Amino acid sequence: MASREHRTSHTVDVEVRYAETDQMGVVHHANYLVWFELARTGLCALSGHDYPSIEKAGYLILVTEAELRYHRGARYGDRVQVEVWLDRLESRGLRFSYEVRRAGERLAAGRTHHLWVEAGTGQVCRIPSPWKEAFAGLRR
């Protein structure tokens, strides 16, 4: 595994559970966003700052927008890989990109946009220096 400073993406394996499928036996569209979050929180942890430590320090990373394009459906029992990378780092925000694949075949792709917020006030703020430096090391 690459060191934190050189790691530019993170992949999680997901086995599709029956509860994640719809009446047609295909993964319900909302579950892809849950998988995005699973991968994203793993990537953040690679920076050395997981979500609980960020929240304990008094900050939140709010999702402000989500984009998702479906190419093929996943089904119960499939094993899928969800890859995430940080593709934009701004003074107050982040943008992550994602791909969901099954055996190399792209099933879905998307992005989420986020803002840093002071938990106590609810005000948007600049990314604090320790996190900005750590997250900069995750950029692709």
C-alpha atoms as a PDB file:
ATOM      1  CA  MET A   1       0.000   0.000   0.000  1.00  0.00           C
ATOM      2  CA  ALA A   2       1.247   3.479  -0.841  1.00  0.00           C
ATOM      3  CA  SER A   3       2.005   5.966   1.908  1.00  0.00           C
ATOM      4  CA  ARG A   4      -0.590   8.583   2.809  1.00  0.00           C
ATOM      5  CA  GLU A   5       1.281  11.303   0.932  1.00  0.00           C
ATOM      6  CA  HIS A   6       1.139   9.355  -2.325  1.00  0.00           C
ATOM      7  CA  ARG A   7      -2.279   7.721  -2.031  1.00  0.00           C
ATOM      8  CA  THR A   8      -4.637   9.411  -4.468  1.00  0.00           C
ATOM      9  CA  SER A   9      -7.638   7.105  -4.371  1.00  0.00           C
ATOM     10  CA  HIS A  10      -9.330   4.578  -2.156  1.00  0.00           C
ATOM     11  CA  THR A  11     -11.378   1.544  -3.125  1.00  0.00           C
ATOM     12  CA  VAL A  12     -13.846  -0.384  -1.001  1.00  0.00           C
ATOM     13  CA  ASP A  13     -15.364  -3.734  -1.868  1.00  0.00           C
ATOM     14  CA  VAL A  14     -19.097  -4.071  -1.365  1.00  0.00           C
ATOM     15  CA  GLU A  15     -21.114  -7.269  -1.534  1.00  0.00           C
ATOM     16  CA  VAL A  16     -24.618  -6.316  -2.622  1.00  0.00           C
ATOM     17  CA  ARG A  17     -27.134  -7.269   0.053  1.00  0.00           C
ATOM     18  CA  TYR A  18     -30.678  -8.330  -0.711  1.00  0.00           C
ATOM     19  CA  ALA A  19     -32.029  -5.336   1.247  1.00  0.00           C
ATOM     20  CA  GLU A  20     -30.249  -3.009  -1.210  1.00  0.00           C
ATOM     21  CA  THR A  21     -32.223  -4.267  -4.202  1.00  0.00           C
ATOM     22  CA  ASP A  22     -35.593  -3.189  -5.540  1.00  0.00           C
ATOM     23  CA  GLN A  23     -38.528  -5.208  -6.837  1.00  0.00           C
ATOM     24  CA  MET A  24     -36.668  -5.762 -10.124  1.00  0.00           C
ATOM     25  CA  GLY A  25     -33.693  -7.338  -8.302  1.00  0.00           C
ATOM     26  CA  VAL A  26     -31.420  -4.402  -9.130  1.00  0.00           C
ATOM     27  CA  VAL A  27     -29.651  -2.251  -6.552  1.00  0.00           C
ATOM     28  CA  HIS A  28     -31.929   0.661  -5.659  1.00  0.00           C
ATOM     29  CA  HIS A  29     -30.434   3.904  -6.965  1.00  0.00           C
ATOM     30  CA  ALA A  30     -30.100   5.544  -3.522  1.00  0.00           C
ATOM     31  CA  ASN A  31     -27.679   2.872  -2.316  1.00  0.00           C
ATOM     32  CA  TYR A  32     -24.954   4.109  -4.637  1.00  0.00           C
ATOM     33  CA  LEU A  33     -24.774   7.311  -2.564  1.00  0.00           C
ATOM     34  CA  VAL A  34     -24.413   5.212   0.596  1.00  0.00           C
ATOM     35  CA  TRP A  35     -21.534   3.360  -1.060  1.00  0.00           C
ATOM     36  CA  PHE A  36     -19.980   6.701  -2.054  1.00  0.00           C
ATOM     37  CA  GLU A  37     -20.010   7.740   1.594  1.00  0.00           C
ATOM     38  CA  LEU A  38     -18.431   4.467   2.672  1.00  0.00           C
ATOM     39  CA  ALA A  39     -15.568   4.993   0.218  1.00  0.00           C
ATOM     40  CA  ARG A  40     -15.224   8.715   0.987  1.00  0.00           C
ATOM     41  CA  THR A  41     -14.929   8.227   4.740  1.00  0.00           C
ATOM     42  CA  GLY A  42     -12.228   5.627   4.080  1.00  0.00           C
ATOM     43  CA  LEU A  43     -10.306   8.067   1.899  1.00  0.00           C
ATOM     44  CA  CYS A  44     -10.578  10.771   4.553  1.00  0.00           C
ATOM     45  CA  ALA A  45      -9.178   8.356   7.120  1.00  0.00           C
ATOM     46  CA  LEU A  46      -6.158   7.835   4.828  1.00  0.00           C
ATOM     47  CA  SER A  47      -5.392  11.528   5.270  1.00  0.00           C
ATOM     48  CA  GLY A  48      -4.840  10.790   8.955  1.00  0.00           C
ATOM     49  CA  HIS A  49      -8.063  12.604   9.882  1.00  0.00           C
ATOM     50  CA  ASP A  50     -11.183  10.467   9.995  1.00  0.00           C
ATOM     51  CA  TYR A  51     -14.666  11.986  10.229  1.00  0.00           C
ATOM     52  CA  PRO A  52     -15.020  11.457  14.007  1.00  0.00           C
ATOM     53  CA  SER A  53     -11.789  13.382  14.687  1.00  0.00           C
ATOM     54  CA  ILE A  54     -12.905  16.231  12.409  1.00  0.00           C
ATOM     55  CA  GLU A  55     -16.257  16.430  14.186  1.00  0.00           C
ATOM     56  CA  LYS A  56     -14.581  16.227  17.611  1.00  0.00           C
ATOM     57  CA  ALA A  57     -12.508  19.262  16.613  1.00  0.00           C
ATOM     58  CA  GLY A  58     -15.735  21.180  15.943  1.00  0.00           C
ATOM     59  CA  TYR A  59     -16.137  20.917  12.171  1.00  0.00           C
ATOM     60  CA  LEU A  60     -18.550  19.279   9.767  1.00  0.00           C
ATOM     61  CA  ILE A  61     -18.099  18.470   6.087  1.00  0.00           C
ATOM     62  CA  LEU A  62     -21.540  18.977   4.552  1.00  0.00           C
ATOM     63  CA  VAL A  63     -22.655  17.472   1.271  1.00  0.00           C
ATOM     64  CA  THR A  64     -23.995  20.336  -0.852  1.00  0.00           C
ATOM     65  CA  GLU A  65     -24.495  18.513  -4.143  1.00  0.00           C
ATOM     66  CA  ALA A  66     -24.467  14.951  -5.466  1.00  0.00           C
ATOM     67  CA  GLU A  67     -24.229  13.840  -9.091  1.00  0.00           C
ATOM     68  CA  LEU A  68     -24.736  10.253 -10.180  1.00  0.00           C
ATOM     69  CA  ARG A  69     -24.888   8.587 -13.569  1.00  0.00           C
ATOM     70  CA  TYR A  70     -25.913   4.965 -13.918  1.00  0.00           C
ATOM     71  CA  HIS A  71     -24.444   2.778 -16.648  1.00  0.00           C
ATOM     72  CA  ARG A  72     -25.410  -0.753 -15.582  1.00  0.00           C
ATOM     73  CA  GLY A  73     -27.243  -2.247 -12.627  1.00  0.00           C
ATOM     74  CA  ALA A  74     -25.722  -4.261  -9.816  1.00  0.00           C
ATOM     75  CA  ARG A  75     -27.679  -7.207  -8.424  1.00  0.00           C
ATOM     76  CA  TYR A  76     -27.941  -9.144  -5.192  1.00  0.00           C
ATOM     77  CA  GLY A  77     -24.757 -11.073  -4.489  1.00  0.00           C
ATOM     78  CA  ASP A  78     -22.578  -9.039  -6.861  1.00  0.00           C
ATOM     79  CA  ARG A  79     -19.252  -7.859  -5.543  1.00  0.00           C
ATOM     80  CA  VAL A  80     -18.608  -4.287  -6.584  1.00  0.00           C
ATOM     81  CA  GLN A  81     -15.671  -1.965  -6.109  1.00  0.00           C
ATOM     82  CA  VAL A  82     -16.267   1.668  -5.232  1.00  0.00           C
ATOM     83  CA  GLU A  83     -13.298   3.938  -5.956  1.00  0.00           C
ATOM     84  CA  VAL A  84     -13.107   7.522  -4.726  1.00  0.00           C
ATOM     85  CA  TRP A  85     -10.604  10.316  -5.220  1.00  0.00           C
ATOM     86  CA  LEU A  86     -10.416  13.980  -4.350  1.00  0.00           C
ATOM     87  CA  ASP A  87     -10.481  15.962  -7.569  1.00  0.00           C
ATOM     88  CA  ARG A  88     -10.990  19.494  -6.259  1.00  0.00           C
ATOM     89  CA  LEU A  89      -9.729  21.213  -3.133  1.00  0.00           C
ATOM     90  CA  GLU A  90     -10.768  24.813  -2.566  1.00  0.00           C
ATOM     91  CA  SER A  91     -10.469  27.199   0.363  1.00  0.00           C
ATOM     92  CA  ARG A  92     -13.857  26.166   1.794  1.00  0.00           C
ATOM     93  CA  GLY A  93     -14.819  23.081  -0.141  1.00  0.00           C
ATOM     94  CA  LEU A  94     -13.968  19.719  -1.587  1.00  0.00           C
ATOM     95  CA  ARG A  95     -15.181  17.670  -4.524  1.00  0.00           C
ATOM     96  CA  PHE A  96     -14.870  13.908  -4.628  1.00  0.00           C
ATOM     97  CA  SER A  97     -15.340  11.712  -7.710  1.00  0.00           C
ATOM     98  CA  TYR A  98     -16.415   8.079  -7.703  1.00  0.00           C
ATOM     99  CA  GLU A  99     -16.648   5.023  -9.924  1.00  0.00           C
ATOM    100  CA  VAL A 100     -18.515   1.824  -9.128  1.00  0.00           C
ATOM    101  CA  ARG A 101     -17.294  -1.239 -11.011  1.00  0.00           C
ATOM    102  CA  ARG A 102     -18.062  -4.940 -11.158  1.00  0.00           C
ATOM    103  CA  ALA A 103     -15.203  -7.054 -12.500  1.00  0.00           C
ATOM    104  CA  GLY A 104     -13.829  -3.960 -14.236  1.00  0.00           C
ATOM    105  CA  GLU A 105     -17.156  -2.964 -15.839  1.00  0.00           C
ATOM    106  CA  ARG A 106     -18.331   0.535 -14.944  1.00  0.00           C
ATOM    107  CA  LEU A 107     -21.736   0.476 -13.294  1.00  0.00           C
ATOM    108  CA  ALA A 108     -21.977   4.075 -12.094  1.00  0.00           C
ATOM    109  CA  ALA A 109     -19.963   7.257 -11.728  1.00  0.00           C
ATOM    110  CA  GLY A 110     -20.552  10.398  -9.756  1.00  0.00           C
ATOM    111  CA  ARG A 111     -19.358  13.318  -7.678  1.00  0.00           C
ATOM    112  CA  THR A 112     -20.162  14.913  -4.366  1.00  0.00           C
ATOM    113  CA  HIS A 113     -19.473  18.520  -3.432  1.00  0.00           C
ATOM    114  CA  HIS A 114     -18.828  19.503   0.192  1.00  0.00           C
ATOM    115  CA  LEU A 115     -18.367  22.588   2.354  1.00  0.00           C
ATOM    116  CA  TRP A 116     -16.550  22.881   5.677  1.00  0.00           C
ATOM    117  CA  VAL A 117     -18.737  24.254   8.444  1.00  0.00           C
ATOM    118  CA  GLU A 118     -18.063  25.220  12.049  1.00  0.00           C
ATOM    119  CA  ALA A 119     -20.320  22.853  13.997  1.00  0.00           C
ATOM    120  CA  GLY A 120     -21.058  25.327  16.779  1.00  0.00           C
ATOM    121  CA  THR A 121     -22.205  28.170  14.545  1.00  0.00           C
ATOM    122  CA  GLY A 122     -23.286  26.417  11.358  1.00  0.00           C
ATOM    123  CA  GLN A 123     -21.185  28.917   9.399  1.00  0.00           C
ATOM    124  CA  VAL A 124     -19.180  27.969   6.333  1.00  0.00           C
ATOM    125  CA  CYS A 125     -15.463  28.313   7.056  1.00  0.00           C
ATOM    126  CA  ARG A 126     -12.095  27.883   5.422  1.00  0.00           C
ATOM    127  CA  ILE A 127     -10.602  24.419   5.644  1.00  0.00           C
ATOM    128  CA  PRO A 128      -8.362  24.507   8.721  1.00  0.00           C
ATOM    129  CA  SER A 129      -4.657  24.241   7.861  1.00  0.00           C
ATOM    130  CA  PRO A 130      -3.965  20.758   9.255  1.00  0.00           C
ATOM    131  CA  TRP A 131      -6.804  19.288   7.211  1.00  0.00           C
ATOM    132  CA  LYS A 132      -6.116  21.309   4.085  1.00  0.00           C
ATOM    133  CA  GLU A 133      -2.532  20.029   4.018  1.00  0.00           C
ATOM    134  CA  ALA A 134      -3.601  16.457   4.724  1.00  0.00           C
ATOM    135  CA  PHE A 135      -6.344  16.500   2.090  1.00  0.00           C
ATOM    136  CA  ALA A 136      -4.032  18.109  -0.466  1.00  0.00           C
ATOM    137  CA  GLY A 137      -1.980  14.920  -0.264  1.00  0.00           C
ATOM    138  CA  LEU A 138      -5.012  12.966  -1.463  1.00  0.00           C
ATOM    139  CA  ARG A 139      -5.513  14.895  -4.709  1.00  0.00           C
ATOM    140  CA  ARG A 140      -5.245  12.952  -7.895  1.00  0.00           C
END
